[in-house]
């Protein structure tokens, strides 16, 4: 089952990298502005190169998941380091991780998301090679990865809500009798 979980994790990370890369390609100016706001050097060059690398990683994760899992993990470590530095200095810029789809300032939620993606990329290194010519992962493996991803998204949404204010209004004290 571990190999099947690795296959499912590889497909999940590939989907995220593909969506992120395509979103950045569709809005290169927004991506370059965001990269500049995050303090990255040569933001316009990165705005063209990062999406290409992300899409290439997505393809590699489908074709050769074990080897590409290591490359994806290295990319996620680099991306997460940028996010951690931005959060530490209180940056108000969006990470443009998915192009212009999300404009909220970079936060610990982004760091947590990347940490979970890093775990998935490392899990992808356990997938047998090659994935593209073989069968898809089993249904239980796909369900397991999907459930974990959905739970992570719910936790991320709750953290975003909490950051924006209390989840519910305070309850007034009961009048003294």
N, C-alpha and C. Protein backbone atom coordinates (compact mmCIF):
# COMPACT_ATOMS: atom_id res chain seq x y z
N UNK A 1 0.83 -1.20 0.00
CA UNK A 1 0.00 0.00 0.00
C UNK A 1 0.87 1.27 0.00
N UNK A 2 2.09 1.17 0.59
CA UNK A 2 2.94 2.36 0.65
C UNK A 2 3.26 2.88 -0.73
N UNK A 3 3.55 1.99 -1.68
CA UNK A 3 3.81 2.41 -3.05
C UNK A 3 2.60 3.07 -3.67
N UNK A 4 1.41 2.53 -3.36
CA UNK A 4 0.18 3.12 -3.90
C UNK A 4 -0.07 4.49 -3.29
N UNK A 5 0.22 4.65 -2.00
CA UNK A 5 0.09 5.98 -1.39
C UNK A 5 1.09 6.94 -2.03
N UNK A 6 2.27 6.45 -2.33
CA UNK A 6 3.26 7.28 -3.02
C UNK A 6 2.77 7.71 -4.39
N UNK A 7 2.14 6.79 -5.11
CA UNK A 7 1.58 7.12 -6.43
C UNK A 7 0.49 8.18 -6.29
N UNK A 8 -0.41 7.98 -5.33
CA UNK A 8 -1.50 8.94 -5.13
C UNK A 8 -0.96 10.30 -4.71
N UNK A 9 0.04 10.29 -3.82
CA UNK A 9 0.65 11.55 -3.39
C UNK A 9 1.32 12.25 -4.56
N UNK A 10 1.99 11.48 -5.43
CA UNK A 10 2.64 12.06 -6.60
C UNK A 10 1.62 12.73 -7.50
N UNK A 11 0.48 12.08 -7.70
CA UNK A 11 -0.57 12.67 -8.54
C UNK A 11 -1.13 13.94 -7.90
N UNK A 12 -1.30 13.92 -6.58
CA UNK A 12 -1.83 15.11 -5.88
C UNK A 12 -0.86 16.28 -6.00
N UNK A 13 0.42 16.02 -5.76
CA UNK A 13 1.43 17.10 -5.86
C UNK A 13 1.54 17.57 -7.31
N UNK A 14 1.45 16.63 -8.25
CA UNK A 14 1.50 17.01 -9.67
C UNK A 14 0.34 17.94 -10.01
N UNK A 15 -0.83 17.64 -9.51
CA UNK A 15 -2.00 18.50 -9.76
C UNK A 15 -1.77 19.89 -9.20
N UNK A 16 -1.25 19.98 -7.99
CA UNK A 16 -1.00 21.29 -7.37
C UNK A 16 0.03 22.07 -8.17
N UNK A 17 1.13 21.41 -8.54
CA UNK A 17 2.16 22.11 -9.33
C UNK A 17 1.62 22.55 -10.69
N UNK A 18 0.82 21.70 -11.32
CA UNK A 18 0.25 22.07 -12.62
C UNK A 18 -0.67 23.27 -12.49
N UNK A 19 -1.56 23.25 -11.50
CA UNK A 19 -2.48 24.38 -11.29
C UNK A 19 -1.72 25.66 -10.97
N UNK A 20 -0.71 25.55 -10.10
CA UNK A 20 0.07 26.73 -9.73
C UNK A 20 0.83 27.29 -10.93
N UNK A 21 1.45 26.42 -11.69
CA UNK A 21 2.22 26.86 -12.85
C UNK A 21 1.34 27.51 -13.91
N UNK A 22 0.21 26.88 -14.20
CA UNK A 22 -0.70 27.43 -15.21
C UNK A 22 -1.27 28.77 -14.75
N UNK A 23 -1.60 28.87 -13.46
CA UNK A 23 -2.14 30.14 -12.94
C UNK A 23 -1.11 31.26 -13.07
N UNK A 24 0.15 30.94 -12.80
CA UNK A 24 1.20 31.96 -12.92
C UNK A 24 1.43 32.35 -14.38
N UNK A 25 1.36 31.39 -15.28
CA UNK A 25 1.52 31.69 -16.71
C UNK A 25 0.41 32.62 -17.18
N UNK A 26 -0.79 32.44 -16.63
CA UNK A 26 -1.94 33.25 -17.05
C UNK A 26 -1.87 34.67 -16.50
N UNK A 27 -1.12 34.91 -15.44
CA UNK A 27 -1.02 36.26 -14.88
C UNK A 27 0.43 36.59 -14.52
N UNK A 28 1.29 36.73 -15.55
CA UNK A 28 2.71 36.95 -15.27
C UNK A 28 3.01 38.28 -14.58
N UNK A 29 2.25 39.31 -14.89
CA UNK A 29 2.50 40.61 -14.24
C UNK A 29 2.19 40.55 -12.75
N UNK A 30 1.07 39.92 -12.42
CA UNK A 30 0.71 39.77 -11.00
C UNK A 30 1.76 38.94 -10.29
N UNK A 31 2.20 37.88 -10.94
CA UNK A 31 3.22 37.01 -10.35
C UNK A 31 4.52 37.79 -10.14
N UNK A 32 4.95 38.57 -11.12
CA UNK A 32 6.18 39.35 -11.00
C UNK A 32 6.06 40.38 -9.88
N UNK A 33 4.91 41.06 -9.80
CA UNK A 33 4.70 42.04 -8.71
C UNK A 33 4.76 41.36 -7.34
N UNK A 34 4.13 40.22 -7.24
CA UNK A 34 4.13 39.49 -5.98
C UNK A 34 5.54 39.05 -5.61
N UNK A 35 6.27 38.51 -6.59
CA UNK A 35 7.65 38.09 -6.33
C UNK A 35 8.50 39.27 -5.87
N UNK A 36 8.29 40.43 -6.49
CA UNK A 36 9.03 41.63 -6.09
C UNK A 36 8.66 42.03 -4.66
N UNK A 37 7.37 41.97 -4.34
CA UNK A 37 6.93 42.32 -2.99
C UNK A 37 7.47 41.36 -1.94
N UNK A 38 7.74 40.14 -2.35
CA UNK A 38 8.30 39.16 -1.43
C UNK A 38 9.81 39.32 -1.28
N UNK A 39 10.39 40.27 -2.03
CA UNK A 39 11.80 40.55 -1.92
C UNK A 39 12.69 39.67 -2.77
N UNK A 40 12.11 39.00 -3.76
CA UNK A 40 12.90 38.13 -4.62
C UNK A 40 13.63 38.96 -5.68
N UNK A 41 14.84 38.55 -6.01
CA UNK A 41 15.60 39.22 -7.05
C UNK A 41 15.12 38.75 -8.42
N UNK A 42 15.21 39.61 -9.39
CA UNK A 42 14.82 39.31 -10.78
C UNK A 42 13.40 38.74 -10.86
N UNK A 43 12.42 39.47 -10.31
CA UNK A 43 11.06 38.93 -10.25
C UNK A 43 10.45 38.63 -11.62
N UNK A 44 10.76 39.44 -12.63
CA UNK A 44 10.16 39.18 -13.95
C UNK A 44 10.75 37.91 -14.57
N UNK A 45 12.02 37.64 -14.31
CA UNK A 45 12.63 36.41 -14.80
C UNK A 45 12.03 35.21 -14.07
N UNK A 46 11.90 35.34 -12.76
CA UNK A 46 11.30 34.26 -11.96
C UNK A 46 9.84 34.02 -12.35
N UNK A 47 9.14 35.10 -12.68
CA UNK A 47 7.72 34.96 -13.06
C UNK A 47 7.56 34.17 -14.34
N UNK A 48 8.61 34.11 -15.14
CA UNK A 48 8.57 33.27 -16.36
C UNK A 48 9.15 31.88 -16.09
N UNK A 49 10.17 31.79 -15.26
CA UNK A 49 10.85 30.52 -15.03
C UNK A 49 10.16 29.59 -14.04
N UNK A 50 9.63 30.14 -12.96
CA UNK A 50 9.00 29.31 -11.94
C UNK A 50 7.80 28.54 -12.49
N UNK A 51 6.90 29.17 -13.24
CA UNK A 51 5.77 28.39 -13.76
C UNK A 51 6.20 27.26 -14.70
N UNK A 52 7.22 27.50 -15.50
CA UNK A 52 7.71 26.46 -16.40
C UNK A 52 8.26 25.29 -15.57
N UNK A 53 9.00 25.61 -14.52
CA UNK A 53 9.54 24.57 -13.65
C UNK A 53 8.41 23.80 -12.95
N UNK A 54 7.38 24.52 -12.52
CA UNK A 54 6.27 23.85 -11.84
C UNK A 54 5.53 22.89 -12.78
N UNK A 55 5.28 23.32 -13.99
CA UNK A 55 4.60 22.44 -14.95
C UNK A 55 5.50 21.25 -15.30
N UNK A 56 6.79 21.50 -15.45
CA UNK A 56 7.72 20.40 -15.73
C UNK A 56 7.75 19.40 -14.58
N UNK A 57 7.73 19.90 -13.35
CA UNK A 57 7.68 19.01 -12.20
C UNK A 57 6.38 18.21 -12.18
N UNK A 58 5.28 18.84 -12.55
CA UNK A 58 3.99 18.14 -12.60
C UNK A 58 4.06 16.96 -13.56
N UNK A 59 4.62 17.20 -14.74
CA UNK A 59 4.76 16.12 -15.73
C UNK A 59 5.71 15.04 -15.20
N UNK A 60 6.81 15.45 -14.62
CA UNK A 60 7.79 14.49 -14.10
C UNK A 60 7.19 13.65 -12.98
N UNK A 61 6.35 14.23 -12.15
CA UNK A 61 5.73 13.48 -11.06
C UNK A 61 4.79 12.39 -11.57
N UNK A 62 4.26 12.58 -12.75
CA UNK A 62 3.40 11.55 -13.35
C UNK A 62 4.25 10.48 -14.03
N UNK A 63 5.32 10.90 -14.69
CA UNK A 63 6.15 9.97 -15.46
C UNK A 63 7.11 9.18 -14.57
N UNK A 64 7.78 9.86 -13.66
CA UNK A 64 8.79 9.23 -12.79
C UNK A 64 8.64 9.77 -11.38
N UNK A 65 7.60 9.34 -10.66
CA UNK A 65 7.26 9.96 -9.38
C UNK A 65 8.33 9.88 -8.31
N UNK A 66 9.05 8.77 -8.22
CA UNK A 66 10.04 8.65 -7.15
C UNK A 66 11.16 9.67 -7.31
N UNK A 67 11.70 9.77 -8.51
CA UNK A 67 12.78 10.74 -8.73
C UNK A 67 12.26 12.17 -8.69
N UNK A 68 11.11 12.41 -9.31
CA UNK A 68 10.54 13.76 -9.32
C UNK A 68 10.08 14.19 -7.93
N UNK A 69 9.74 13.23 -7.10
CA UNK A 69 9.35 13.56 -5.72
C UNK A 69 10.46 14.29 -4.99
N UNK A 70 11.70 13.85 -5.22
CA UNK A 70 12.84 14.54 -4.60
C UNK A 70 12.99 15.96 -5.15
N UNK A 71 12.83 16.11 -6.45
CA UNK A 71 12.93 17.45 -7.06
C UNK A 71 11.82 18.36 -6.54
N UNK A 72 10.61 17.80 -6.44
CA UNK A 72 9.48 18.58 -5.92
C UNK A 72 9.73 18.98 -4.47
N UNK A 73 10.29 18.07 -3.70
CA UNK A 73 10.59 18.37 -2.29
C UNK A 73 11.61 19.52 -2.19
N UNK A 74 12.63 19.48 -3.05
CA UNK A 74 13.62 20.57 -3.05
C UNK A 74 12.97 21.90 -3.42
N UNK A 75 12.11 21.89 -4.44
CA UNK A 75 11.41 23.12 -4.83
C UNK A 75 10.53 23.62 -3.69
N UNK A 76 9.84 22.71 -3.03
CA UNK A 76 8.96 23.13 -1.93
C UNK A 76 9.75 23.68 -0.74
N UNK A 77 10.92 23.14 -0.48
CA UNK A 77 11.77 23.69 0.58
C UNK A 77 12.15 25.13 0.23
N UNK A 78 12.53 25.37 -1.03
CA UNK A 78 12.89 26.73 -1.46
C UNK A 78 11.68 27.67 -1.37
N UNK A 79 10.53 27.23 -1.88
CA UNK A 79 9.33 28.05 -1.84
C UNK A 79 8.95 28.36 -0.39
N UNK A 80 9.05 27.35 0.48
CA UNK A 80 8.66 27.54 1.88
C UNK A 80 9.62 28.49 2.58
N UNK A 81 10.90 28.43 2.24
CA UNK A 81 11.87 29.36 2.84
C UNK A 81 11.50 30.80 2.51
N UNK A 82 11.08 31.04 1.29
CA UNK A 82 10.65 32.40 0.89
C UNK A 82 9.43 32.82 1.71
N UNK A 83 8.47 31.90 1.88
CA UNK A 83 7.26 32.22 2.65
C UNK A 83 7.59 32.47 4.12
N UNK A 84 8.44 31.64 4.70
CA UNK A 84 8.81 31.82 6.11
C UNK A 84 9.48 33.18 6.31
N UNK A 85 10.39 33.55 5.42
CA UNK A 85 11.06 34.85 5.53
C UNK A 85 10.05 35.98 5.42
N UNK A 86 9.10 35.85 4.50
CA UNK A 86 8.09 36.91 4.32
C UNK A 86 7.20 37.03 5.55
N UNK A 87 6.78 35.91 6.10
CA UNK A 87 5.93 35.94 7.30
C UNK A 87 6.72 36.53 8.46
N UNK A 88 7.97 36.15 8.60
CA UNK A 88 8.81 36.63 9.71
C UNK A 88 9.00 38.14 9.67
N UNK A 89 9.08 38.71 8.48
CA UNK A 89 9.27 40.18 8.42
C UNK A 89 7.94 40.92 8.30
N UNK A 90 6.82 40.19 8.36
CA UNK A 90 5.51 40.83 8.35
C UNK A 90 5.07 41.33 7.00
N UNK A 91 5.51 40.69 5.95
CA UNK A 91 5.14 41.11 4.59
C UNK A 91 3.63 41.05 4.40
N UNK A 92 3.10 42.01 3.68
CA UNK A 92 1.66 42.04 3.40
C UNK A 92 1.36 41.62 1.97
N UNK A 93 2.38 41.15 1.25
CA UNK A 93 2.21 40.75 -0.14
C UNK A 93 1.55 39.37 -0.22
N UNK A 94 0.86 39.14 -1.32
CA UNK A 94 0.32 37.82 -1.61
C UNK A 94 1.48 36.96 -2.11
N UNK A 95 1.38 35.66 -1.90
CA UNK A 95 2.46 34.80 -2.41
C UNK A 95 2.29 34.53 -3.90
N UNK A 96 1.12 34.79 -4.46
CA UNK A 96 0.83 34.48 -5.87
C UNK A 96 1.13 33.02 -6.17
N UNK A 97 0.97 32.18 -5.16
CA UNK A 97 1.25 30.76 -5.32
C UNK A 97 0.37 30.15 -6.41
N UNK A 98 -0.82 30.67 -6.56
CA UNK A 98 -1.73 30.20 -7.60
C UNK A 98 -2.15 31.36 -8.48
N UNK A 99 -1.16 32.14 -8.92
CA UNK A 99 -1.43 33.29 -9.77
C UNK A 99 -2.19 34.35 -9.01
N UNK A 100 -3.22 34.90 -9.64
CA UNK A 100 -4.00 35.95 -8.99
C UNK A 100 -5.24 35.39 -8.32
N UNK A 101 -5.34 34.05 -8.19
CA UNK A 101 -6.52 33.44 -7.59
C UNK A 101 -6.66 33.80 -6.12
N UNK A 102 -5.56 34.04 -5.44
CA UNK A 102 -5.62 34.37 -4.01
C UNK A 102 -4.78 35.61 -3.78
N UNK A 103 -5.39 36.63 -3.21
CA UNK A 103 -4.67 37.88 -3.01
C UNK A 103 -4.41 38.18 -1.54
N UNK A 104 -4.80 37.27 -0.65
CA UNK A 104 -4.56 37.49 0.78
C UNK A 104 -3.06 37.54 1.05
N UNK A 105 -2.66 38.30 2.07
CA UNK A 105 -1.22 38.36 2.39
C UNK A 105 -0.69 36.98 2.77
N UNK A 106 0.58 36.77 2.50
CA UNK A 106 1.24 35.53 2.87
C UNK A 106 1.10 35.33 4.38
N UNK A 107 0.88 34.07 4.78
CA UNK A 107 0.66 33.80 6.20
C UNK A 107 1.19 32.43 6.57
N UNK A 108 1.06 32.11 7.85
CA UNK A 108 1.47 30.80 8.32
C UNK A 108 0.62 29.70 7.68
N UNK A 109 -0.56 30.03 7.20
CA UNK A 109 -1.38 29.05 6.49
C UNK A 109 -0.67 28.59 5.22
N UNK A 110 -0.04 29.52 4.51
CA UNK A 110 0.71 29.18 3.30
C UNK A 110 1.90 28.29 3.65
N UNK A 111 2.55 28.60 4.77
CA UNK A 111 3.69 27.79 5.21
C UNK A 111 3.22 26.38 5.56
N UNK A 112 2.09 26.28 6.27
CA UNK A 112 1.55 24.97 6.64
C UNK A 112 1.15 24.17 5.39
N UNK A 113 0.54 24.85 4.43
CA UNK A 113 0.17 24.17 3.18
C UNK A 113 1.40 23.61 2.49
N UNK A 114 2.46 24.40 2.42
CA UNK A 114 3.68 23.94 1.78
C UNK A 114 4.32 22.78 2.56
N UNK A 115 4.21 22.82 3.88
CA UNK A 115 4.75 21.72 4.69
C UNK A 115 4.01 20.41 4.37
N UNK A 116 2.70 20.50 4.23
CA UNK A 116 1.92 19.31 3.87
C UNK A 116 2.27 18.83 2.46
N UNK A 117 2.45 19.77 1.54
CA UNK A 117 2.87 19.39 0.19
C UNK A 117 4.26 18.76 0.20
N UNK A 118 5.13 19.24 1.07
CA UNK A 118 6.46 18.66 1.20
C UNK A 118 6.37 17.20 1.67
N UNK A 119 5.50 16.95 2.64
CA UNK A 119 5.29 15.58 3.11
C UNK A 119 4.78 14.71 1.95
N UNK A 120 3.83 15.24 1.19
CA UNK A 120 3.30 14.49 0.05
C UNK A 120 4.39 14.23 -1.00
N UNK A 121 5.24 15.22 -1.25
CA UNK A 121 6.33 15.04 -2.22
C UNK A 121 7.30 13.96 -1.73
N UNK A 122 7.58 13.96 -0.44
CA UNK A 122 8.46 12.92 0.10
C UNK A 122 7.79 11.55 0.02
N UNK A 123 6.49 11.50 0.24
CA UNK A 123 5.75 10.25 0.10
C UNK A 123 5.78 9.77 -1.35
N UNK A 124 5.78 10.71 -2.28
CA UNK A 124 5.84 10.36 -3.71
C UNK A 124 7.13 9.61 -4.06
N UNK A 125 8.18 9.82 -3.26
CA UNK A 125 9.44 9.13 -3.55
C UNK A 125 9.33 7.62 -3.33
N UNK A 126 8.25 7.16 -2.69
CA UNK A 126 8.06 5.72 -2.46
C UNK A 126 7.28 5.06 -3.60
N UNK A 127 6.85 5.86 -4.58
CA UNK A 127 6.07 5.30 -5.69
C UNK A 127 6.98 4.49 -6.60
N UNK A 128 6.45 3.39 -7.14
CA UNK A 128 7.25 2.62 -8.10
C UNK A 128 7.40 3.40 -9.40
N UNK A 129 8.44 3.10 -10.15
CA UNK A 129 8.69 3.77 -11.44
C UNK A 129 8.33 2.83 -12.57
N UNK A 130 7.92 3.25 -13.71
CA UNK A 130 7.28 4.53 -14.00
C UNK A 130 5.79 4.44 -13.73
N UNK A 131 5.21 5.54 -13.38
CA UNK A 131 3.77 5.59 -13.09
C UNK A 131 2.96 5.72 -14.36
N UNK A 132 3.42 6.49 -15.33
CA UNK A 132 2.63 6.80 -16.52
C UNK A 132 2.24 5.55 -17.30
N UNK A 133 3.13 4.57 -17.40
CA UNK A 133 2.83 3.38 -18.19
C UNK A 133 2.04 2.34 -17.41
N UNK A 134 1.94 2.48 -16.11
CA UNK A 134 1.27 1.48 -15.28
C UNK A 134 -0.14 1.88 -14.92
N UNK A 135 -0.69 1.08 -14.02
CA UNK A 135 -2.05 1.33 -13.56
C UNK A 135 -2.06 2.50 -12.58
N UNK A 136 -3.21 3.07 -12.43
CA UNK A 136 -3.39 4.14 -11.45
C UNK A 136 -3.36 3.55 -10.04
N UNK A 137 -3.12 4.39 -9.03
CA UNK A 137 -3.15 3.90 -7.66
C UNK A 137 -4.53 3.32 -7.33
N UNK A 138 -4.57 2.49 -6.31
CA UNK A 138 -5.83 1.88 -5.91
C UNK A 138 -6.78 2.94 -5.37
N UNK A 139 -8.05 2.60 -5.37
CA UNK A 139 -9.07 3.52 -4.86
C UNK A 139 -8.81 3.88 -3.39
N UNK A 140 -8.48 2.92 -2.51
CA UNK A 140 -8.21 3.31 -1.11
C UNK A 140 -7.06 4.31 -0.99
N UNK A 141 -6.01 4.16 -1.81
CA UNK A 141 -4.88 5.10 -1.75
C UNK A 141 -5.32 6.49 -2.22
N UNK A 142 -6.09 6.54 -3.31
CA UNK A 142 -6.59 7.83 -3.80
C UNK A 142 -7.51 8.48 -2.78
N UNK A 143 -8.38 7.69 -2.15
CA UNK A 143 -9.30 8.22 -1.14
C UNK A 143 -8.50 8.75 0.05
N UNK A 144 -7.49 8.00 0.50
CA UNK A 144 -6.69 8.44 1.64
C UNK A 144 -6.03 9.79 1.38
N UNK A 145 -5.40 9.92 0.23
CA UNK A 145 -4.74 11.19 -0.11
C UNK A 145 -5.76 12.31 -0.27
N UNK A 146 -6.90 12.01 -0.87
CA UNK A 146 -7.95 13.02 -1.06
C UNK A 146 -8.51 13.49 0.28
N UNK A 147 -8.75 12.56 1.20
CA UNK A 147 -9.28 12.92 2.52
C UNK A 147 -8.28 13.79 3.28
N UNK A 148 -7.01 13.42 3.25
CA UNK A 148 -6.00 14.22 3.93
C UNK A 148 -5.92 15.61 3.31
N UNK A 149 -5.98 15.70 1.98
CA UNK A 149 -5.93 17.00 1.31
C UNK A 149 -7.16 17.84 1.68
N UNK A 150 -8.32 17.22 1.72
CA UNK A 150 -9.55 17.95 2.07
C UNK A 150 -9.48 18.43 3.52
N UNK A 151 -9.00 17.58 4.41
CA UNK A 151 -8.88 17.99 5.82
C UNK A 151 -7.89 19.13 5.96
N UNK A 152 -6.79 19.06 5.22
CA UNK A 152 -5.81 20.14 5.27
C UNK A 152 -6.41 21.44 4.76
N UNK A 153 -7.23 21.35 3.73
CA UNK A 153 -7.87 22.56 3.19
C UNK A 153 -8.84 23.17 4.18
N UNK A 154 -9.60 22.32 4.88
CA UNK A 154 -10.53 22.81 5.90
C UNK A 154 -9.77 23.49 7.04
N UNK A 155 -8.69 22.86 7.50
CA UNK A 155 -7.87 23.47 8.55
C UNK A 155 -7.31 24.80 8.07
N UNK A 156 -6.82 24.84 6.83
CA UNK A 156 -6.30 26.09 6.28
C UNK A 156 -7.36 27.18 6.22
N UNK A 157 -8.57 26.81 5.82
CA UNK A 157 -9.66 27.79 5.76
C UNK A 157 -10.01 28.30 7.15
N UNK A 158 -10.02 27.41 8.13
CA UNK A 158 -10.30 27.84 9.50
C UNK A 158 -9.21 28.76 10.03
N UNK A 159 -7.96 28.47 9.70
CA UNK A 159 -6.87 29.36 10.11
C UNK A 159 -7.01 30.72 9.45
N UNK A 160 -7.39 30.74 8.18
CA UNK A 160 -7.61 32.01 7.49
C UNK A 160 -8.73 32.79 8.17
N UNK A 161 -9.81 32.12 8.51
CA UNK A 161 -10.92 32.80 9.19
C UNK A 161 -10.48 33.34 10.54
N UNK A 162 -9.73 32.54 11.27
CA UNK A 162 -9.27 32.96 12.59
C UNK A 162 -8.36 34.18 12.48
N UNK A 163 -7.51 34.20 11.44
CA UNK A 163 -6.61 35.33 11.24
C UNK A 163 -7.37 36.61 10.95
N UNK A 164 -8.50 36.46 10.25
CA UNK A 164 -9.30 37.62 9.88
C UNK A 164 -10.21 38.11 11.00
N UNK A 165 -10.27 37.41 12.10
CA UNK A 165 -11.12 37.81 13.22
C UNK A 165 -11.66 36.57 13.90
N UNK A 166 -12.45 36.77 14.95
CA UNK A 166 -12.99 35.62 15.67
C UNK A 166 -13.93 34.81 14.77
N UNK A 167 -13.97 33.50 15.01
CA UNK A 167 -14.84 32.63 14.23
C UNK A 167 -16.31 32.91 14.49
N UNK A 168 -16.62 33.34 15.69
CA UNK A 168 -18.00 33.69 16.03
C UNK A 168 -17.96 34.84 17.03
N UNK A 169 -19.04 35.62 17.10
CA UNK A 169 -19.03 36.78 18.00
C UNK A 169 -18.99 36.33 19.46
N UNK A 170 -18.41 37.17 20.32
CA UNK A 170 -18.36 36.79 21.74
C UNK A 170 -19.77 36.73 22.33
N UNK A 171 -19.93 35.82 23.27
CA UNK A 171 -21.21 35.65 23.95
C UNK A 171 -21.24 36.65 25.12
N UNK A 172 -22.30 37.46 25.17
CA UNK A 172 -22.36 38.43 26.28
C UNK A 172 -22.56 37.68 27.61
N UNK A 173 -22.05 38.31 28.67
CA UNK A 173 -22.23 37.73 30.00
C UNK A 173 -23.71 37.75 30.37
N UNK A 174 -24.10 36.73 31.10
CA UNK A 174 -25.51 36.67 31.56
C UNK A 174 -25.71 37.72 32.66
N UNK A 175 -26.88 38.36 32.68
CA UNK A 175 -27.13 39.34 33.73
C UNK A 175 -27.13 38.66 35.10
N UNK A 176 -26.60 39.40 36.07
CA UNK A 176 -26.54 38.88 37.44
C UNK A 176 -27.95 38.82 38.01
N UNK A 177 -28.25 37.74 38.71
CA UNK A 177 -29.59 37.60 39.29
C UNK A 177 -29.67 38.09 40.68
